[in-house]
Amino acid sequence: MSHVKEMIIEHYNDHVDDAPLFADGFDDAIIGICPTSFRVIYSRNKCINILMKEGETWEDAVDFLEYNTFNTYVGEYTPVWVEDFLWDDTTEDHENTTDKK
């Protein structure tokens, strides 16, 4: 469990029933929480990088996340997926993996 997730649980877990909600497997992509809506905030690019470290190509990671994660609504406490403009890391990895197809 990531340090950020531990802090969110410690400070916000008892505020509202069913909140906050976390996305399985993406603890290292958590960048914070909205203290008014109790929605966990994730970096889209960090999520992509997590899947790429597991062996997915950039395109497959984006396709999977767009369909199964970023555009999924699971209720009032659905996590927020933000663009953090960490493109340098993602772009570099993307360029290195697209040639592997």
Protein backbone atom coordinates (compact mmCIF):
# COMPACT_ATOMS: atom_id res chain seq x y z
CA MET A 1 0.00 0.00 0.00
CA SER A 2 1.36 3.42 -0.91
CA HIS A 3 2.08 6.08 1.67
CA VAL A 4 -0.49 8.42 0.08
CA LYS A 5 -3.20 5.77 0.26
CA GLU A 6 -2.35 5.11 3.92
CA MET A 7 -2.66 8.84 4.67
CA ILE A 8 -6.02 9.07 2.88
CA ILE A 9 -7.38 6.08 4.79
CA GLU A 10 -6.08 7.47 8.08
CA HIS A 11 -7.59 10.92 7.58
CA TYR A 12 -10.75 10.32 5.52
CA ASN A 13 -11.94 6.73 5.96
CA ASP A 14 -14.42 7.53 8.75
CA HIS A 15 -15.95 10.67 7.23
CA VAL A 16 -18.50 9.14 4.85
CA ASP A 17 -19.83 5.63 4.29
CA ASP A 18 -18.47 3.97 1.13
CA ALA A 19 -15.79 6.63 0.66
CA PRO A 20 -13.13 6.93 -0.41
CA LEU A 21 -13.01 4.43 -3.28
CA PHE A 22 -9.69 3.14 -4.58
CA ALA A 23 -8.76 1.57 -7.92
CA ASP A 24 -7.12 -1.83 -7.44
CA GLY A 25 -3.54 -2.00 -8.62
CA PHE A 26 -3.00 1.74 -8.99
CA ASP A 27 -1.95 2.82 -5.49
CA ASP A 28 1.28 4.30 -6.84
CA ALA A 29 -0.72 6.57 -9.15
CA ILE A 30 -2.63 8.28 -6.30
CA ILE A 31 -1.74 11.96 -6.08
CA GLY A 32 -4.32 13.08 -3.51
CA ILE A 33 -7.95 13.38 -2.48
CA CYS A 34 -10.59 16.06 -2.80
CA PRO A 35 -11.39 16.94 0.82
CA THR A 36 -14.93 18.08 0.01
CA SER A 37 -16.11 15.29 -2.30
CA PHE A 38 -13.94 12.51 -0.79
CA ARG A 39 -12.92 11.41 -4.29
CA VAL A 40 -9.42 9.95 -4.66
CA ILE A 41 -7.33 11.65 -7.35
CA TYR A 42 -5.13 9.60 -9.66
CA SER A 43 -2.56 10.54 -12.29
CA ARG A 44 -3.61 9.16 -15.67
CA ASN A 45 0.01 9.01 -16.82
CA LYS A 46 1.14 7.14 -13.72
CA CYS A 47 -1.62 4.58 -14.35
CA ILE A 48 -0.40 4.15 -17.92
CA ASN A 49 3.17 3.70 -16.69
CA ILE A 50 2.07 1.07 -14.16
CA LEU A 51 0.53 -1.04 -16.92
CA MET A 52 3.56 -0.52 -19.15
CA LYS A 53 5.84 -1.79 -16.37
CA GLU A 54 3.65 -4.91 -16.34
CA GLY A 55 4.42 -5.43 -20.03
CA GLU A 56 1.66 -3.58 -21.87
CA THR A 57 2.47 -1.33 -24.81
CA TRP A 58 1.56 2.34 -24.45
CA GLU A 59 -1.37 1.94 -26.86
CA ASP A 60 -2.73 -1.15 -25.10
CA ALA A 61 -2.41 0.50 -21.69
CA VAL A 62 -4.27 3.61 -22.86
CA ASP A 63 -6.98 1.55 -24.58
CA PHE A 64 -7.49 -0.61 -21.50
CA LEU A 65 -7.60 2.32 -19.09
CA GLU A 66 -9.88 4.46 -21.27
CA TYR A 67 -12.40 1.65 -21.58
CA ASN A 68 -12.19 0.01 -18.13
CA THR A 69 -11.08 2.71 -15.75
CA PHE A 70 -11.02 6.37 -16.82
CA ASN A 71 -14.55 6.37 -18.24
CA THR A 72 -16.16 4.12 -15.65
CA TYR A 73 -18.67 5.53 -13.17
CA VAL A 74 -18.98 3.62 -9.90
CA GLY A 75 -21.09 6.07 -7.98
CA GLU A 76 -20.76 9.36 -6.19
CA TYR A 77 -17.21 8.61 -5.01
CA THR A 78 -15.83 7.53 -8.39
CA PRO A 79 -12.13 8.43 -8.43
CA VAL A 80 -10.92 11.42 -10.44
CA TRP A 81 -8.39 10.73 -13.21
CA VAL A 82 -6.36 13.87 -13.90
CA GLU A 83 -3.94 14.83 -16.62
CA ASP A 84 -0.79 15.78 -14.74
CA PHE A 85 1.29 16.52 -17.85
CA LEU A 86 3.99 13.99 -16.96
CA TRP A 87 4.37 13.31 -20.64
CA ASP A 88 8.14 13.15 -20.63
CA ASP A 89 8.15 9.81 -18.79
CA THR A 90 5.21 8.40 -20.71
CA THR A 91 6.36 9.69 -24.09
CA GLU A 92 9.84 8.28 -23.63
CA ASP A 93 8.43 4.89 -22.70
CA HIS A 94 5.89 5.13 -25.52
CA GLU A 95 8.60 5.76 -28.11
CA ASN A 96 10.65 2.84 -26.81
CA THR A 97 7.77 0.35 -26.82
CA THR A 98 6.01 1.16 -30.08
CA ASP A 99 8.89 -0.31 -32.05
CA LYS A 100 8.50 -3.64 -30.25
CA LYS A 101 5.27 -4.58 -32.00
